[in-house]
Amino acid sequence: INLKAFGAMSKMELIKKNIQEKPAGMQII
């Protein structure tokens, strides 16, 4: 949903937009 709403972004931008730690965010990505 974030990618659809805000368009392409870096991995860390996407993780921070969801207020998550890097390891958990990278697992999702």
mmCIF file of all heavy atoms, coordinates in Angstrom:
data_MODEL
# 
_entry.id   MODEL 
# 
loop_
_atom_site.group_PDB 
_atom_site.id 
_atom_site.type_symbol 
_atom_site.label_atom_id 
_atom_site.label_alt_id 
_atom_site.label_comp_id 
_atom_site.label_asym_id 
_atom_site.label_entity_id 
_atom_site.label_seq_id 
_atom_site.pdbx_PDB_ins_code 
_atom_site.Cartn_x 
_atom_site.Cartn_y 
_atom_site.Cartn_z 
_atom_site.occupancy 
_atom_site.B_iso_or_equiv 
_atom_site.pdbx_formal_charge 
_atom_site.auth_seq_id 
_atom_site.auth_comp_id 
_atom_site.auth_asym_id 
_atom_site.auth_atom_id 
_atom_site.pdbx_PDB_model_num 
ATOM 1   N N   . ILE A 1 1  ? 0.837  -1.210  0.000  1.00 0.00 ? 1  ILE A N   1 
ATOM 2   C CA  . ILE A 1 1  ? 0.000  0.000   0.000  1.00 0.00 ? 1  ILE A CA  1 
ATOM 3   C C   . ILE A 1 1  ? 0.866  1.253   0.000  1.00 0.00 ? 1  ILE A C   1 
ATOM 4   O O   . ILE A 1 1  ? 0.580  2.223   -0.708 1.00 0.00 ? 1  ILE A O   1 
ATOM 5   C CB  . ILE A 1 1  ? -0.956 -0.010  1.213  1.00 0.00 ? 1  ILE A CB  1 
ATOM 6   C CG1 . ILE A 1 1  ? -2.055 -1.063  1.018  1.00 0.00 ? 1  ILE A CG1 1 
ATOM 7   C CG2 . ILE A 1 1  ? -1.582 1.373   1.422  1.00 0.00 ? 1  ILE A CG2 1 
ATOM 8   C CD1 . ILE A 1 1  ? -2.924 -1.281  2.243  1.00 0.00 ? 1  ILE A CD1 1 
ATOM 9   N N   . ASN A 1 2  ? 1.946  1.240   0.777  1.00 0.00 ? 2  ASN A N   1 
ATOM 10  C CA  . ASN A 1 2  ? 2.851  2.387   0.806  1.00 0.00 ? 2  ASN A CA  1 
ATOM 11  C C   . ASN A 1 2  ? 3.516  2.619   -0.549 1.00 0.00 ? 2  ASN A C   1 
ATOM 12  O O   . ASN A 1 2  ? 3.670  3.756   -0.992 1.00 0.00 ? 2  ASN A O   1 
ATOM 13  C CB  . ASN A 1 2  ? 3.912  2.196   1.886  1.00 0.00 ? 2  ASN A CB  1 
ATOM 14  C CG  . ASN A 1 2  ? 3.452  2.662   3.251  1.00 0.00 ? 2  ASN A CG  1 
ATOM 15  O OD1 . ASN A 1 2  ? 2.986  3.786   3.414  1.00 0.00 ? 2  ASN A OD1 1 
ATOM 16  N ND2 . ASN A 1 2  ? 3.563  1.808   4.242  1.00 0.00 ? 2  ASN A ND2 1 
ATOM 17  N N   . LEU A 1 3  ? 3.910  1.536   -1.201 1.00 0.00 ? 3  LEU A N   1 
ATOM 18  C CA  . LEU A 1 3  ? 4.529  1.674   -2.524 1.00 0.00 ? 3  LEU A CA  1 
ATOM 19  C C   . LEU A 1 3  ? 3.522  2.192   -3.543 1.00 0.00 ? 3  LEU A C   1 
ATOM 20  O O   . LEU A 1 3  ? 3.860  2.997   -4.412 1.00 0.00 ? 3  LEU A O   1 
ATOM 21  C CB  . LEU A 1 3  ? 5.097  0.329   -2.979 1.00 0.00 ? 3  LEU A CB  1 
ATOM 22  C CG  . LEU A 1 3  ? 6.393  -0.116  -2.295 1.00 0.00 ? 3  LEU A CG  1 
ATOM 23  C CD1 . LEU A 1 3  ? 6.743  -1.544  -2.686 1.00 0.00 ? 3  LEU A CD1 1 
ATOM 24  C CD2 . LEU A 1 3  ? 7.543  0.831   -2.649 1.00 0.00 ? 3  LEU A CD2 1 
ATOM 25  N N   . LYS A 1 4  ? 2.291  1.746   -3.433 1.00 0.00 ? 4  LYS A N   1 
ATOM 26  C CA  . LYS A 1 4  ? 1.255  2.209   -4.357 1.00 0.00 ? 4  LYS A CA  1 
ATOM 27  C C   . LYS A 1 4  ? 0.940  3.686   -4.128 1.00 0.00 ? 4  LYS A C   1 
ATOM 28  O O   . LYS A 1 4  ? 0.744  4.454   -5.073 1.00 0.00 ? 4  LYS A O   1 
ATOM 29  C CB  . LYS A 1 4  ? -0.021 1.381   -4.183 1.00 0.00 ? 4  LYS A CB  1 
ATOM 30  C CG  . LYS A 1 4  ? -1.133 1.745   -5.180 1.00 0.00 ? 4  LYS A CG  1 
ATOM 31  C CD  . LYS A 1 4  ? -2.322 0.808   -5.046 1.00 0.00 ? 4  LYS A CD  1 
ATOM 32  C CE  . LYS A 1 4  ? -3.429 1.205   -6.001 1.00 0.00 ? 4  LYS A CE  1 
ATOM 33  N NZ  . LYS A 1 4  ? -3.014 1.108   -7.415 1.00 0.00 ? 4  LYS A NZ  1 
ATOM 34  N N   . ALA A 1 5  ? 0.916  4.081   -2.857 1.00 0.00 ? 5  ALA A N   1 
ATOM 35  C CA  . ALA A 1 5  ? 0.551  5.459   -2.516 1.00 0.00 ? 5  ALA A CA  1 
ATOM 36  C C   . ALA A 1 5  ? 1.676  6.451   -2.781 1.00 0.00 ? 5  ALA A C   1 
ATOM 37  O O   . ALA A 1 5  ? 1.435  7.573   -3.250 1.00 0.00 ? 5  ALA A O   1 
ATOM 38  C CB  . ALA A 1 5  ? 0.129  5.525   -1.047 1.00 0.00 ? 5  ALA A CB  1 
ATOM 39  N N   . PHE A 1 6  ? 2.936  6.051   -2.478 1.00 0.00 ? 6  PHE A N   1 
ATOM 40  C CA  . PHE A 1 6  ? 4.047  6.997   -2.528 1.00 0.00 ? 6  PHE A CA  1 
ATOM 41  C C   . PHE A 1 6  ? 5.047  6.717   -3.642 1.00 0.00 ? 6  PHE A C   1 
ATOM 42  O O   . PHE A 1 6  ? 5.983  7.490   -3.841 1.00 0.00 ? 6  PHE A O   1 
ATOM 43  C CB  . PHE A 1 6  ? 4.775  7.016   -1.185 1.00 0.00 ? 6  PHE A CB  1 
ATOM 44  C CG  . PHE A 1 6  ? 3.887  7.401   -0.028 1.00 0.00 ? 6  PHE A CG  1 
ATOM 45  C CD1 . PHE A 1 6  ? 3.431  6.433   0.859  1.00 0.00 ? 6  PHE A CD1 1 
ATOM 46  C CD2 . PHE A 1 6  ? 3.484  8.705   0.155  1.00 0.00 ? 6  PHE A CD2 1 
ATOM 47  C CE1 . PHE A 1 6  ? 2.604  6.765   1.927  1.00 0.00 ? 6  PHE A CE1 1 
ATOM 48  C CE2 . PHE A 1 6  ? 2.664  9.064   1.216  1.00 0.00 ? 6  PHE A CE2 1 
ATOM 49  C CZ  . PHE A 1 6  ? 2.216  8.088   2.093  1.00 0.00 ? 6  PHE A CZ  1 
ATOM 50  N N   . GLY A 1 7  ? 4.861  5.602   -4.368 1.00 0.00 ? 7  GLY A N   1 
ATOM 51  C CA  . GLY A 1 7  ? 5.762  5.305   -5.474 1.00 0.00 ? 7  GLY A CA  1 
ATOM 52  C C   . GLY A 1 7  ? 7.048  4.635   -5.016 1.00 0.00 ? 7  GLY A C   1 
ATOM 53  O O   . GLY A 1 7  ? 7.229  4.315   -3.846 1.00 0.00 ? 7  GLY A O   1 
ATOM 54  N N   . ALA A 1 8  ? 7.947  4.419   -5.968 1.00 0.00 ? 8  ALA A N   1 
ATOM 55  C CA  . ALA A 1 8  ? 9.212  3.728   -5.688 1.00 0.00 ? 8  ALA A CA  1 
ATOM 56  C C   . ALA A 1 8  ? 10.034 4.502   -4.664 1.00 0.00 ? 8  ALA A C   1 
ATOM 57  O O   . ALA A 1 8  ? 10.014 5.733   -4.620 1.00 0.00 ? 8  ALA A O   1 
ATOM 58  C CB  . ALA A 1 8  ? 10.002 3.559   -6.979 1.00 0.00 ? 8  ALA A CB  1 
ATOM 59  N N   . MET A 1 9  ? 10.747 3.748   -3.836 1.00 0.00 ? 9  MET A N   1 
ATOM 60  C CA  . MET A 1 9  ? 11.599 4.361   -2.815 1.00 0.00 ? 9  MET A CA  1 
ATOM 61  C C   . MET A 1 9  ? 12.684 3.367   -2.415 1.00 0.00 ? 9  MET A C   1 
ATOM 62  O O   . MET A 1 9  ? 12.618 2.182   -2.772 1.00 0.00 ? 9  MET A O   1 
ATOM 63  C CB  . MET A 1 9  ? 10.769 4.774   -1.601 1.00 0.00 ? 9  MET A CB  1 
ATOM 64  C CG  . MET A 1 9  ? 10.106 3.623   -0.869 1.00 0.00 ? 9  MET A CG  1 
ATOM 65  S SD  . MET A 1 9  ? 9.029  4.190   0.488  1.00 0.00 ? 9  MET A SD  1 
ATOM 66  C CE  . MET A 1 9  ? 7.564  4.675   -0.436 1.00 0.00 ? 9  MET A CE  1 
ATOM 67  N N   . SER A 1 10 ? 13.666 3.850   -1.671 1.00 0.00 ? 10 SER A N   1 
ATOM 68  C CA  . SER A 1 10 ? 14.739 2.962   -1.230 1.00 0.00 ? 10 SER A CA  1 
ATOM 69  C C   . SER A 1 10 ? 14.211 1.995   -0.173 1.00 0.00 ? 10 SER A C   1 
ATOM 70  O O   . SER A 1 10 ? 13.155 2.217   0.424  1.00 0.00 ? 10 SER A O   1 
ATOM 71  C CB  . SER A 1 10 ? 15.900 3.774   -0.652 1.00 0.00 ? 10 SER A CB  1 
ATOM 72  O OG  . SER A 1 10 ? 15.557 4.316   0.607  1.00 0.00 ? 10 SER A OG  1 
ATOM 73  N N   . LYS A 1 11 ? 14.976 0.941   0.053  1.00 0.00 ? 11 LYS A N   1 
ATOM 74  C CA  . LYS A 1 11 ? 14.579 -0.037  1.060  1.00 0.00 ? 11 LYS A CA  1 
ATOM 75  C C   . LYS A 1 11 ? 14.408 0.613   2.431  1.00 0.00 ? 11 LYS A C   1 
ATOM 76  O O   . LYS A 1 11 ? 13.417 0.376   3.127  1.00 0.00 ? 11 LYS A O   1 
ATOM 77  C CB  . LYS A 1 11 ? 15.615 -1.157  1.144  1.00 0.00 ? 11 LYS A CB  1 
ATOM 78  C CG  . LYS A 1 11 ? 15.629 -2.099  -0.050 1.00 0.00 ? 11 LYS A CG  1 
ATOM 79  C CD  . LYS A 1 11 ? 16.652 -3.211  0.150  1.00 0.00 ? 11 LYS A CD  1 
ATOM 80  C CE  . LYS A 1 11 ? 16.646 -4.182  -1.017 1.00 0.00 ? 11 LYS A CE  1 
ATOM 81  N NZ  . LYS A 1 11 ? 17.610 -5.296  -0.827 1.00 0.00 ? 11 LYS A NZ  1 
ATOM 82  N N   . MET A 1 12 ? 15.375 1.442   2.817  1.00 0.00 ? 12 MET A N   1 
ATOM 83  C CA  . MET A 1 12 ? 15.317 2.058   4.137  1.00 0.00 ? 12 MET A CA  1 
ATOM 84  C C   . MET A 1 12 ? 14.169 3.063   4.243  1.00 0.00 ? 12 MET A C   1 
ATOM 85  O O   . MET A 1 12 ? 13.567 3.213   5.312  1.00 0.00 ? 12 MET A O   1 
ATOM 86  C CB  . MET A 1 12 ? 16.645 2.718   4.489  1.00 0.00 ? 12 MET A CB  1 
ATOM 87  C CG  . MET A 1 12 ? 17.748 1.739   4.881  1.00 0.00 ? 12 MET A CG  1 
ATOM 88  S SD  . MET A 1 12 ? 17.212 0.512   6.117  1.00 0.00 ? 12 MET A SD  1 
ATOM 89  C CE  . MET A 1 12 ? 16.725 1.561   7.496  1.00 0.00 ? 12 MET A CE  1 
ATOM 90  N N   . GLU A 1 13 ? 13.866 3.760   3.166  1.00 0.00 ? 13 GLU A N   1 
ATOM 91  C CA  . GLU A 1 13 ? 12.731 4.680   3.182  1.00 0.00 ? 13 GLU A CA  1 
ATOM 92  C C   . GLU A 1 13 ? 11.438 3.922   3.429  1.00 0.00 ? 13 GLU A C   1 
ATOM 93  O O   . GLU A 1 13 ? 10.570 4.362   4.197  1.00 0.00 ? 13 GLU A O   1 
ATOM 94  C CB  . GLU A 1 13 ? 12.645 5.443   1.858  1.00 0.00 ? 13 GLU A CB  1 
ATOM 95  C CG  . GLU A 1 13 ? 13.678 6.540   1.694  1.00 0.00 ? 13 GLU A CG  1 
ATOM 96  C CD  . GLU A 1 13 ? 13.636 7.172   0.317  1.00 0.00 ? 13 GLU A CD  1 
ATOM 97  O OE1 . GLU A 1 13 ? 13.268 6.479   -0.663 1.00 0.00 ? 13 GLU A OE1 1 
ATOM 98  O OE2 . GLU A 1 13 ? 13.992 8.360   0.210  1.00 0.00 ? 13 GLU A OE2 1 
ATOM 99  N N   . LEU A 1 14 ? 11.313 2.773   2.774  1.00 0.00 ? 14 LEU A N   1 
ATOM 100 C CA  . LEU A 1 14 ? 10.116 1.955   2.939  1.00 0.00 ? 14 LEU A CA  1 
ATOM 101 C C   . LEU A 1 14 ? 10.023 1.398   4.354  1.00 0.00 ? 14 LEU A C   1 
ATOM 102 O O   . LEU A 1 14 ? 8.948  1.397   4.965  1.00 0.00 ? 14 LEU A O   1 
ATOM 103 C CB  . LEU A 1 14 ? 10.130 0.810   1.918  1.00 0.00 ? 14 LEU A CB  1 
ATOM 104 C CG  . LEU A 1 14 ? 8.913  -0.126  1.897  1.00 0.00 ? 14 LEU A CG  1 
ATOM 105 C CD1 . LEU A 1 14 ? 7.622  0.653   1.708  1.00 0.00 ? 14 LEU A CD1 1 
ATOM 106 C CD2 . LEU A 1 14 ? 9.078  -1.168  0.798  1.00 0.00 ? 14 LEU A CD2 1 
ATOM 107 N N   . ILE A 1 15 ? 11.136 0.952   4.883  1.00 0.00 ? 15 ILE A N   1 
ATOM 108 C CA  . ILE A 1 15 ? 11.157 0.411   6.248  1.00 0.00 ? 15 ILE A CA  1 
ATOM 109 C C   . ILE A 1 15 ? 10.822 1.493   7.269  1.00 0.00 ? 15 ILE A C   1 
ATOM 110 O O   . ILE A 1 15 ? 10.015 1.287   8.179  1.00 0.00 ? 15 ILE A O   1 
ATOM 111 C CB  . ILE A 1 15 ? 12.538 -0.214  6.553  1.00 0.00 ? 15 ILE A CB  1 
ATOM 112 C CG1 . ILE A 1 15 ? 12.733 -1.488  5.716  1.00 0.00 ? 15 ILE A CG1 1 
ATOM 113 C CG2 . ILE A 1 15 ? 12.678 -0.537  8.043  1.00 0.00 ? 15 ILE A CG2 1 
ATOM 114 C CD1 . ILE A 1 15 ? 14.140 -2.047  5.755  1.00 0.00 ? 15 ILE A CD1 1 
ATOM 115 N N   . LYS A 1 16 ? 11.426 2.665   7.123  1.00 0.00 ? 16 LYS A N   1 
ATOM 116 C CA  . LYS A 1 16 ? 11.189 3.759   8.071  1.00 0.00 ? 16 LYS A CA  1 
ATOM 117 C C   . LYS A 1 16 ? 9.765  4.284   7.983  1.00 0.00 ? 16 LYS A C   1 
ATOM 118 O O   . LYS A 1 16 ? 9.201  4.752   8.975  1.00 0.00 ? 16 LYS A O   1 
ATOM 119 C CB  . LYS A 1 16 ? 12.194 4.889   7.824  1.00 0.00 ? 16 LYS A CB  1 
ATOM 120 C CG  . LYS A 1 16 ? 13.596 4.576   8.340  1.00 0.00 ? 16 LYS A CG  1 
ATOM 121 C CD  . LYS A 1 16 ? 14.513 5.765   8.196  1.00 0.00 ? 16 LYS A CD  1 
ATOM 122 C CE  . LYS A 1 16 ? 15.866 5.493   8.845  1.00 0.00 ? 16 LYS A CE  1 
ATOM 123 N NZ  . LYS A 1 16 ? 15.754 5.330   10.313 1.00 0.00 ? 16 LYS A NZ  1 
ATOM 124 N N   . LYS A 1 17 ? 9.176  4.229   6.790  1.00 0.00 ? 17 LYS A N   1 
ATOM 125 C CA  . LYS A 1 17 ? 7.789  4.679   6.633  1.00 0.00 ? 17 LYS A CA  1 
ATOM 126 C C   . LYS A 1 17 ? 6.846  3.808   7.452  1.00 0.00 ? 17 LYS A C   1 
ATOM 127 O O   . LYS A 1 17 ? 5.758  4.241   7.834  1.00 0.00 ? 17 LYS A O   1 
ATOM 128 C CB  . LYS A 1 17 ? 7.393  4.667   5.149  1.00 0.00 ? 17 LYS A CB  1 
ATOM 129 C CG  . LYS A 1 17 ? 6.131  5.459   4.842  1.00 0.00 ? 17 LYS A CG  1 
ATOM 130 C CD  . LYS A 1 17 ? 5.995  5.725   3.363  1.00 0.00 ? 17 LYS A CD  1 
ATOM 131 C CE  . LYS A 1 17 ? 6.872  6.861   2.903  1.00 0.00 ? 17 LYS A CE  1 
ATOM 132 N NZ  . LYS A 1 17 ? 6.417  8.181   3.433  1.00 0.00 ? 17 LYS A NZ  1 
ATOM 133 N N   . ASN A 1 18 ? 7.274  2.580   7.724  1.00 0.00 ? 18 ASN A N   1 
ATOM 134 C CA  . ASN A 1 18 ? 6.461  1.662   8.512  1.00 0.00 ? 18 ASN A CA  1 
ATOM 135 C C   . ASN A 1 18 ? 6.932  1.560   9.966  1.00 0.00 ? 18 ASN A C   1 
ATOM 136 O O   . ASN A 1 18 ? 6.468  0.703   10.714 1.00 0.00 ? 18 ASN A O   1 
ATOM 137 C CB  . ASN A 1 18 ? 6.476  0.273   7.867  1.00 0.00 ? 18 ASN A CB  1 
ATOM 138 C CG  . ASN A 1 18 ? 5.689  0.244   6.577  1.00 0.00 ? 18 ASN A CG  1 
ATOM 139 O OD1 . ASN A 1 18 ? 4.463  0.147   6.585  1.00 0.00 ? 18 ASN A OD1 1 
ATOM 140 N ND2 . ASN A 1 18 ? 6.381  0.341   5.454  1.00 0.00 ? 18 ASN A ND2 1 
ATOM 141 N N   . ILE A 1 19 ? 7.872  2.440   10.353 1.00 0.00 ? 19 ILE A N   1 
ATOM 142 C CA  . ILE A 1 19 ? 8.377  2.500   11.733 1.00 0.00 ? 19 ILE A CA  1 
ATOM 143 C C   . ILE A 1 19 ? 8.808  1.105   12.202 1.00 0.00 ? 19 ILE A C   1 
ATOM 144 O O   . ILE A 1 19 ? 8.326  0.580   13.211 1.00 0.00 ? 19 ILE A O   1 
ATOM 145 C CB  . ILE A 1 19 ? 7.313  3.090   12.698 1.00 0.00 ? 19 ILE A CB  1 
ATOM 146 C CG1 . ILE A 1 19 ? 6.631  4.300   12.085 1.00 0.00 ? 19 ILE A CG1 1 
ATOM 147 C CG2 . ILE A 1 19 ? 7.967  3.467   14.026 1.00 0.00 ? 19 ILE A CG2 1 
ATOM 148 C CD1 . ILE A 1 19 ? 7.542  5.468   11.829 1.00 0.00 ? 19 ILE A CD1 1 
ATOM 149 N N   . GLN A 1 20 ? 9.729  0.500   11.448 1.00 0.00 ? 20 GLN A N   1 
ATOM 150 C CA  . GLN A 1 20 ? 10.220 -0.821  11.800 1.00 0.00 ? 20 GLN A CA  1 
ATOM 151 C C   . GLN A 1 20 ? 11.740 -0.840  11.863 1.00 0.00 ? 20 GLN A C   1 
ATOM 152 O O   . GLN A 1 20 ? 12.401 0.026   11.290 1.00 0.00 ? 20 GLN A O   1 
ATOM 153 C CB  . GLN A 1 20 ? 9.738  -1.864  10.782 1.00 0.00 ? 20 GLN A CB  1 
ATOM 154 C CG  . GLN A 1 20 ? 8.261  -2.220  10.936 1.00 0.00 ? 20 GLN A CG  1 
ATOM 155 C CD  . GLN A 1 20 ? 7.870  -3.388  10.069 1.00 0.00 ? 20 GLN A CD  1 
ATOM 156 O OE1 . GLN A 1 20 ? 8.075  -3.359  8.867  1.00 0.00 ? 20 GLN A OE1 1 
ATOM 157 N NE2 . GLN A 1 20 ? 7.280  -4.409  10.670 1.00 0.00 ? 20 GLN A NE2 1 
ATOM 158 N N   . GLU A 1 21 ? 12.252 -1.836  12.551 1.00 0.00 ? 21 GLU A N   1 
ATOM 159 C CA  . GLU A 1 21 ? 13.688 -2.036  12.605 1.00 0.00 ? 21 GLU A CA  1 
ATOM 160 C C   . GLU A 1 21 ? 14.154 -2.628  11.273 1.00 0.00 ? 21 GLU A C   1 
ATOM 161 O O   . GLU A 1 21 ? 13.401 -3.321  10.585 1.00 0.00 ? 21 GLU A O   1 
ATOM 162 C CB  . GLU A 1 21 ? 14.063 -2.975  13.755 1.00 0.00 ? 21 GLU A CB  1 
ATOM 163 C CG  . GLU A 1 21 ? 13.696 -2.454  15.144 1.00 0.00 ? 21 GLU A CG  1 
ATOM 164 C CD  . GLU A 1 21 ? 14.476 -1.210  15.513 1.00 0.00 ? 21 GLU A CD  1 
ATOM 165 O OE1 . GLU A 1 21 ? 15.645 -1.100  15.088 1.00 0.00 ? 21 GLU A OE1 1 
ATOM 166 O OE2 . GLU A 1 21 ? 13.922 -0.345  16.226 1.00 0.00 ? 21 GLU A OE2 1 
ATOM 167 N N   . LYS A 1 22 ? 15.422 -2.369  10.918 1.00 0.00 ? 22 LYS A N   1 
ATOM 168 C CA  . LYS A 1 22 ? 15.949 -2.808  9.632  1.00 0.00 ? 22 LYS A CA  1 
ATOM 169 C C   . LYS A 1 22 ? 15.850 -4.318  9.421  1.00 0.00 ? 22 LYS A C   1 
ATOM 170 O O   . LYS A 1 22 ? 15.396 -4.754  8.348  1.00 0.00 ? 22 LYS A O   1 
ATOM 171 C CB  . LYS A 1 22 ? 17.403 -2.341  9.467  1.00 0.00 ? 22 LYS A CB  1 
ATOM 172 C CG  . LYS A 1 22 ? 17.995 -2.702  8.111  1.00 0.00 ? 22 LYS A CG  1 
ATOM 173 C CD  . LYS A 1 22 ? 19.405 -2.161  7.961  1.00 0.00 ? 22 LYS A CD  1 
ATOM 174 C CE  . LYS A 1 22 ? 19.997 -2.559  6.603  1.00 0.00 ? 22 LYS A CE  1 
ATOM 175 N NZ  . LYS A 1 22 ? 21.374 -2.030  6.430  1.00 0.00 ? 22 LYS A NZ  1 
ATOM 176 N N   . PRO A 1 23 ? 16.245 -5.169  10.390 1.00 0.00 ? 23 PRO A N   1 
ATOM 177 C CA  . PRO A 1 23 ? 16.172 -6.619  10.156 1.00 0.00 ? 23 PRO A CA  1 
ATOM 178 C C   . PRO A 1 23 ? 14.758 -7.108  9.823  1.00 0.00 ? 23 PRO A C   1 
ATOM 179 O O   . PRO A 1 23 ? 14.573 -7.903  8.894  1.00 0.00 ? 23 PRO A O   1 
ATOM 180 C CB  . PRO A 1 23 ? 16.676 -7.215  11.481 1.00 0.00 ? 23 PRO A CB  1 
ATOM 181 C CG  . PRO A 1 23 ? 17.552 -6.159  12.053 1.00 0.00 ? 23 PRO A CG  1 
ATOM 182 C CD  . PRO A 1 23 ? 16.881 -4.870  11.693 1.00 0.00 ? 23 PRO A CD  1 
ATOM 183 N N   . ALA A 1 24 ? 13.765 -6.621  10.576 1.00 0.00 ? 24 ALA A N   1 
ATOM 184 C CA  . ALA A 1 24 ? 12.377 -7.031  10.329 1.00 0.00 ? 24 ALA A CA  1 
ATOM 185 C C   . ALA A 1 24 ? 11.896 -6.517  8.973  1.00 0.00 ? 24 ALA A C   1 
ATOM 186 O O   . ALA A 1 24 ? 11.226 -7.241  8.221  1.00 0.00 ? 24 ALA A O   1 
ATOM 187 C CB  . ALA A 1 24 ? 11.470 -6.506  11.430 1.00 0.00 ? 24 ALA A CB  1 
ATOM 188 N N   . GLY A 1 25 ? 12.248 -5.274  8.663  1.00 0.00 ? 25 GLY A N   1 
ATOM 189 C CA  . GLY A 1 25 ? 11.850 -4.693  7.382  1.00 0.00 ? 25 GLY A CA  1 
ATOM 190 C C   . GLY A 1 25 ? 12.470 -5.408  6.199  1.00 0.00 ? 25 GLY A C   1 
ATOM 191 O O   . GLY A 1 25 ? 11.803 -5.655  5.181  1.00 0.00 ? 25 GLY A O   1 
ATOM 192 N N   . MET A 1 26 ? 13.745 -5.752  6.307  1.00 0.00 ? 26 MET A N   1 
ATOM 193 C CA  . MET A 1 26 ? 14.435 -6.461  5.221  1.00 0.00 ? 26 MET A CA  1 
ATOM 194 C C   . MET A 1 26 ? 13.814 -7.840  5.006  1.00 0.00 ? 26 MET A C   1 
ATOM 195 O O   . MET A 1 26 ? 13.714 -8.311  3.856  1.00 0.00 ? 26 MET A O   1 
ATOM 196 C CB  . MET A 1 26 ? 15.921 -6.588  5.536  1.00 0.00 ? 26 MET A CB  1 
ATOM 197 C CG  . MET A 1 26 ? 16.679 -5.275  5.497  1.00 0.00 ? 26 MET A CG  1 
ATOM 198 S SD  . MET A 1 26 ? 16.586 -4.443  3.889  1.00 0.00 ? 26 MET A SD  1 
ATOM 199 C CE  . MET A 1 26 ? 17.437 -5.628  2.856  1.00 0.00 ? 26 MET A CE  1 
ATOM 200 N N   . GLN A 1 27 ? 13.387 -8.483  6.063  1.00 0.00 ? 27 GLN A N   1 
ATOM 201 C CA  . GLN A 1 27 ? 12.748 -9.788  5.946  1.00 0.00 ? 27 GLN A CA  1 
ATOM 202 C C   . GLN A 1 27 ? 11.452 -9.685  5.136  1.00 0.00 ? 27 GLN A C   1 
ATOM 203 O O   . GLN A 1 27 ? 11.171 -10.527 4.277  1.00 0.00 ? 27 GLN A O   1 
ATOM 204 C CB  . GLN A 1 27 ? 12.454 -10.355 7.338  1.00 0.00 ? 27 GLN A CB  1 
ATOM 205 C CG  . GLN A 1 27 ? 11.973 -11.787 7.335  1.00 0.00 ? 27 GLN A CG  1 
ATOM 206 C CD  . GLN A 1 27 ? 11.798 -12.331 8.742  1.00 0.00 ? 27 GLN A CD  1 
ATOM 207 O OE1 . GLN A 1 27 ? 11.553 -11.580 9.684  1.00 0.00 ? 27 GLN A OE1 1 
ATOM 208 N NE2 . GLN A 1 27 ? 11.919 -13.638 8.892  1.00 0.00 ? 27 GLN A NE2 1 
ATOM 209 N N   . ILE A 1 28 ? 10.682 -8.648  5.406  1.00 0.00 ? 28 ILE A N   1 
ATOM 210 C CA  . ILE A 1 28 ? 9.432  -8.427  4.677  1.00 0.00 ? 28 ILE A CA  1 
ATOM 211 C C   . ILE A 1 28 ? 9.717  -8.127  3.211  1.00 0.00 ? 28 ILE A C   1 
ATOM 212 O O   . ILE A 1 28 ? 9.084  -8.692  2.302  1.00 0.00 ? 28 ILE A O   1 
ATOM 213 C CB  . ILE A 1 28 ? 8.637  -7.262  5.305  1.00 0.00 ? 28 ILE A CB  1 
ATOM 214 C CG1 . ILE A 1 28 ? 8.219  -7.621  6.733  1.00 0.00 ? 28 ILE A CG1 1 
ATOM 215 C CG2 . ILE A 1 28 ? 7.407  -6.925  4.469  1.00 0.00 ? 28 ILE A CG2 1 
ATOM 216 C CD1 . ILE A 1 28 ? 7.780  -6.437  7.563  1.00 0.00 ? 28 ILE A CD1 1 
ATOM 217 N N   . ILE A 1 29 ? 10.678 -7.238  2.959  1.00 0.00 ? 29 ILE A N   1 
ATOM 218 C CA  . ILE A 1 29 ? 11.028 -6.875  1.586  1.00 0.00 ? 29 ILE A CA  1 
ATOM 219 C C   . ILE A 1 29 ? 11.510 -8.098  0.808  1.00 0.00 ? 29 ILE A C   1 
ATOM 220 O O   . ILE A 1 29 ? 11.096 -8.317  -0.342 1.00 0.00 ? 29 ILE A O   1 
ATOM 221 C CB  . ILE A 1 29 ? 12.101 -5.761  1.587  1.00 0.00 ? 29 ILE A CB  1 
ATOM 222 C CG1 . ILE A 1 29 ? 11.480 -4.439  2.043  1.00 0.00 ? 29 ILE A CG1 1 
ATOM 223 C CG2 . ILE A 1 29 ? 12.721 -5.606  0.197  1.00 0.00 ? 29 ILE A CG2 1 
ATOM 224 C CD1 . ILE A 1 29 ? 12.481 -3.330  2.258  1.00 0.00 ? 29 ILE A CD1 1 
# 
